[in-house]
Every structure is written in C-alpha cells, then in structure tokens.
Amino acid sequence: MDSYWDYVGDGHVLLEDWKTHTNATPYTAPEAICEWMTGKVYGHPLHEDGTLVTTSLVLSVVGRKVSTRNTDYILGEEMADAR
C-alpha cells in the first residue's frame, strides 16, 4: 500500500481518526444519498495539524484516497468507535 508521504507533494491531506456520515434513511432515494467525513487533518493548507474538520461531500473513493469538492484526502486510521 502507498504511504501518506508518497502523496504529500501532490496536494493530498492526511485525515486521521476519521468517521463517515450520511443522510441515508430507509426512505431516502438512492440518488439523494450524500456522504461526508469528519476527522483530524494533517498537511492541510488552511488548518493547523490535528484540527478537527468536516469535509464537503465525498465525490469519489479509490482505495484510501477520498476526493471532495475542495480537497483530496489520504485516509489514516478510522475512529475507534466509528464501526
């Protein structure tokens, strides 16, 4: 697996202690389901390392790379109680 340090120069931000969130209910139409994440960021140009942030909506996930409208993240460790 690639490490975070392989992406630092490519504008990727590390997201640690992360958790996914969704608006899905049994009544939500599939095309209306949205997901976003919260976690601590490292290497973000607008936030100090370790700042807890909420991402914009997740647009794509490829392996441990998550893209939102504004930022590409590399996922670190998931929040322990997120499962």
C-alpha atoms as a PDB file:
ATOM      1  CA  MET A   1       0.000   0.000   0.000  1.00  0.00           C
ATOM      2  CA  ASP A   2       1.136   3.529  -0.708  1.00  0.00           C
ATOM      3  CA  SER A   3       2.001   5.672   2.271  1.00  0.00           C
ATOM      4  CA  TYR A   4       0.810   9.196   3.018  1.00  0.00           C
ATOM      5  CA  TRP A   5       4.274  10.540   2.324  1.00  0.00           C
ATOM      6  CA  ASP A   6       4.020   9.385  -1.301  1.00  0.00           C
ATOM      7  CA  TYR A   7       1.254  11.969  -1.821  1.00  0.00           C
ATOM      8  CA  VAL A   8       2.378  14.973   0.223  1.00  0.00           C
ATOM      9  CA  GLY A   9       3.734  16.819  -2.798  1.00  0.00           C
ATOM     10  CA  ASP A  10       0.547  16.144  -4.771  1.00  0.00           C
ATOM     11  CA  GLY A  11      -1.759  18.279  -2.637  1.00  0.00           C
ATOM     12  CA  HIS A  12      -3.203  15.402  -0.623  1.00  0.00           C
ATOM     13  CA  VAL A  13      -4.127  15.870   3.019  1.00  0.00           C
ATOM     14  CA  LEU A  14      -3.974  13.154   5.671  1.00  0.00           C
ATOM     15  CA  LEU A  15      -7.271  12.524   7.505  1.00  0.00           C
ATOM     16  CA  GLU A  16      -6.791  10.679  10.799  1.00  0.00           C
ATOM     17  CA  ASP A  17      -9.295   9.491  13.388  1.00  0.00           C
ATOM     18  CA  TRP A  18     -11.978   9.804  10.719  1.00  0.00           C
ATOM     19  CA  LYS A  19     -15.621   8.825  10.554  1.00  0.00           C
ATOM     20  CA  THR A  20     -18.121   8.805   7.677  1.00  0.00           C
ATOM     21  CA  HIS A  21     -21.567  10.366   7.907  1.00  0.00           C
ATOM     22  CA  THR A  22     -24.614  10.030   5.663  1.00  0.00           C
ATOM     23  CA  ASN A  23     -28.091  11.420   5.268  1.00  0.00           C
ATOM     24  CA  ALA A  24     -29.460   7.998   4.267  1.00  0.00           C
ATOM     25  CA  THR A  25     -32.646   6.671   5.809  1.00  0.00           C
ATOM     26  CA  PRO A  26     -34.838   3.784   4.648  1.00  0.00           C
ATOM     27  CA  TYR A  27     -36.888   6.426   2.799  1.00  0.00           C
ATOM     28  CA  THR A  28     -34.040   8.304   1.084  1.00  0.00           C
ATOM     29  CA  ALA A  29     -33.919   7.879  -2.680  1.00  0.00           C
ATOM     30  CA  PRO A  30     -30.573   6.374  -3.761  1.00  0.00           C
ATOM     31  CA  GLU A  31     -29.749   9.394  -5.918  1.00  0.00           C
ATOM     32  CA  ALA A  32     -30.272  11.702  -2.917  1.00  0.00           C
ATOM     33  CA  ILE A  33     -27.867   9.919  -0.568  1.00  0.00           C
ATOM     34  CA  CYS A  34     -24.866  12.047   0.425  1.00  0.00           C
ATOM     35  CA  GLU A  35     -21.768  11.203   2.437  1.00  0.00           C
ATOM     36  CA  TRP A  36     -19.231  13.400   4.198  1.00  0.00           C
ATOM     37  CA  MET A  37     -16.488  12.824   6.745  1.00  0.00           C
ATOM     38  CA  THR A  38     -15.097  14.247   9.943  1.00  0.00           C
ATOM     39  CA  GLY A  39     -11.559  13.771  11.181  1.00  0.00           C
ATOM     40  CA  LYS A  40      -8.277  15.385  12.139  1.00  0.00           C
ATOM     41  CA  VAL A  41      -6.317  16.858   9.236  1.00  0.00           C
ATOM     42  CA  TYR A  42      -2.564  16.953   8.723  1.00  0.00           C
ATOM     43  CA  GLY A  43      -0.892  18.833   5.895  1.00  0.00           C
ATOM     44  CA  HIS A  44      -3.961  20.951   5.096  1.00  0.00           C
ATOM     45  CA  PRO A  45      -3.079  24.421   3.776  1.00  0.00           C
ATOM     46  CA  LEU A  46      -5.878  26.163   5.727  1.00  0.00           C
ATOM     47  CA  HIS A  47      -5.868  24.284   9.042  1.00  0.00           C
ATOM     48  CA  GLU A  48      -3.264  23.543  11.710  1.00  0.00           C
ATOM     49  CA  ASP A  49      -2.239  19.895  12.028  1.00  0.00           C
ATOM     50  CA  GLY A  50      -4.640  17.989  14.257  1.00  0.00           C
ATOM     51  CA  THR A  51      -7.610  20.298  13.642  1.00  0.00           C
ATOM     52  CA  LEU A  52     -10.980  18.513  13.610  1.00  0.00           C
ATOM     53  CA  VAL A  53     -12.774  19.275  10.332  1.00  0.00           C
ATOM     54  CA  THR A  54     -15.933  18.306   8.491  1.00  0.00           C
ATOM     55  CA  THR A  55     -15.356  17.679   4.791  1.00  0.00           C
ATOM     56  CA  SER A  56     -17.564  18.742   1.943  1.00  0.00           C
ATOM     57  CA  LEU A  57     -19.489  15.928   0.232  1.00  0.00           C
ATOM     58  CA  VAL A  58     -17.467  12.888  -0.807  1.00  0.00           C
ATOM     59  CA  LEU A  59     -17.266  12.669  -4.595  1.00  0.00           C
ATOM     60  CA  SER A  60     -15.103   9.568  -5.011  1.00  0.00           C
ATOM     61  CA  VAL A  61     -13.244   6.912  -3.075  1.00  0.00           C
ATOM     62  CA  VAL A  62     -10.388   4.925  -4.602  1.00  0.00           C
ATOM     63  CA  GLY A  63      -8.621   2.713  -2.092  1.00  0.00           C
ATOM     64  CA  ARG A  64      -7.577   5.071   0.722  1.00  0.00           C
ATOM     65  CA  LYS A  65      -7.893   8.216  -1.431  1.00  0.00           C
ATOM     66  CA  VAL A  66     -11.050  10.259  -0.862  1.00  0.00           C
ATOM     67  CA  SER A  67     -11.887  13.247  -3.042  1.00  0.00           C
ATOM     68  CA  THR A  68     -14.249  16.028  -2.079  1.00  0.00           C
ATOM     69  CA  ARG A  69     -15.065  19.198  -3.971  1.00  0.00           C
ATOM     70  CA  ASN A  70     -12.194  21.066  -2.342  1.00  0.00           C
ATOM     71  CA  THR A  71      -9.629  18.550  -1.105  1.00  0.00           C
ATOM     72  CA  ASP A  72      -8.095  15.143  -1.793  1.00  0.00           C
ATOM     73  CA  TYR A  73      -7.532  13.127   1.385  1.00  0.00           C
ATOM     74  CA  ILE A  74      -5.485  10.077   2.238  1.00  0.00           C
ATOM     75  CA  LEU A  75      -7.207   8.123   4.984  1.00  0.00           C
ATOM     76  CA  GLY A  76      -5.200   7.218   8.048  1.00  0.00           C
ATOM     77  CA  GLU A  77      -6.736   5.343  10.976  1.00  0.00           C
ATOM     78  CA  GLU A  78     -10.508   5.223  11.347  1.00  0.00           C
ATOM     79  CA  MET A  79     -12.041   6.471  14.603  1.00  0.00           C
ATOM     80  CA  ALA A  80     -12.085   3.513  17.011  1.00  0.00           C
ATOM     81  CA  ASP A  81     -15.811   3.733  17.793  1.00  0.00           C
ATOM     82  CA  ALA A  82     -16.862   4.529  14.197  1.00  0.00           C
ATOM     83  CA  ARG A  83     -17.656   0.925  13.365  1.00  0.00           C
END
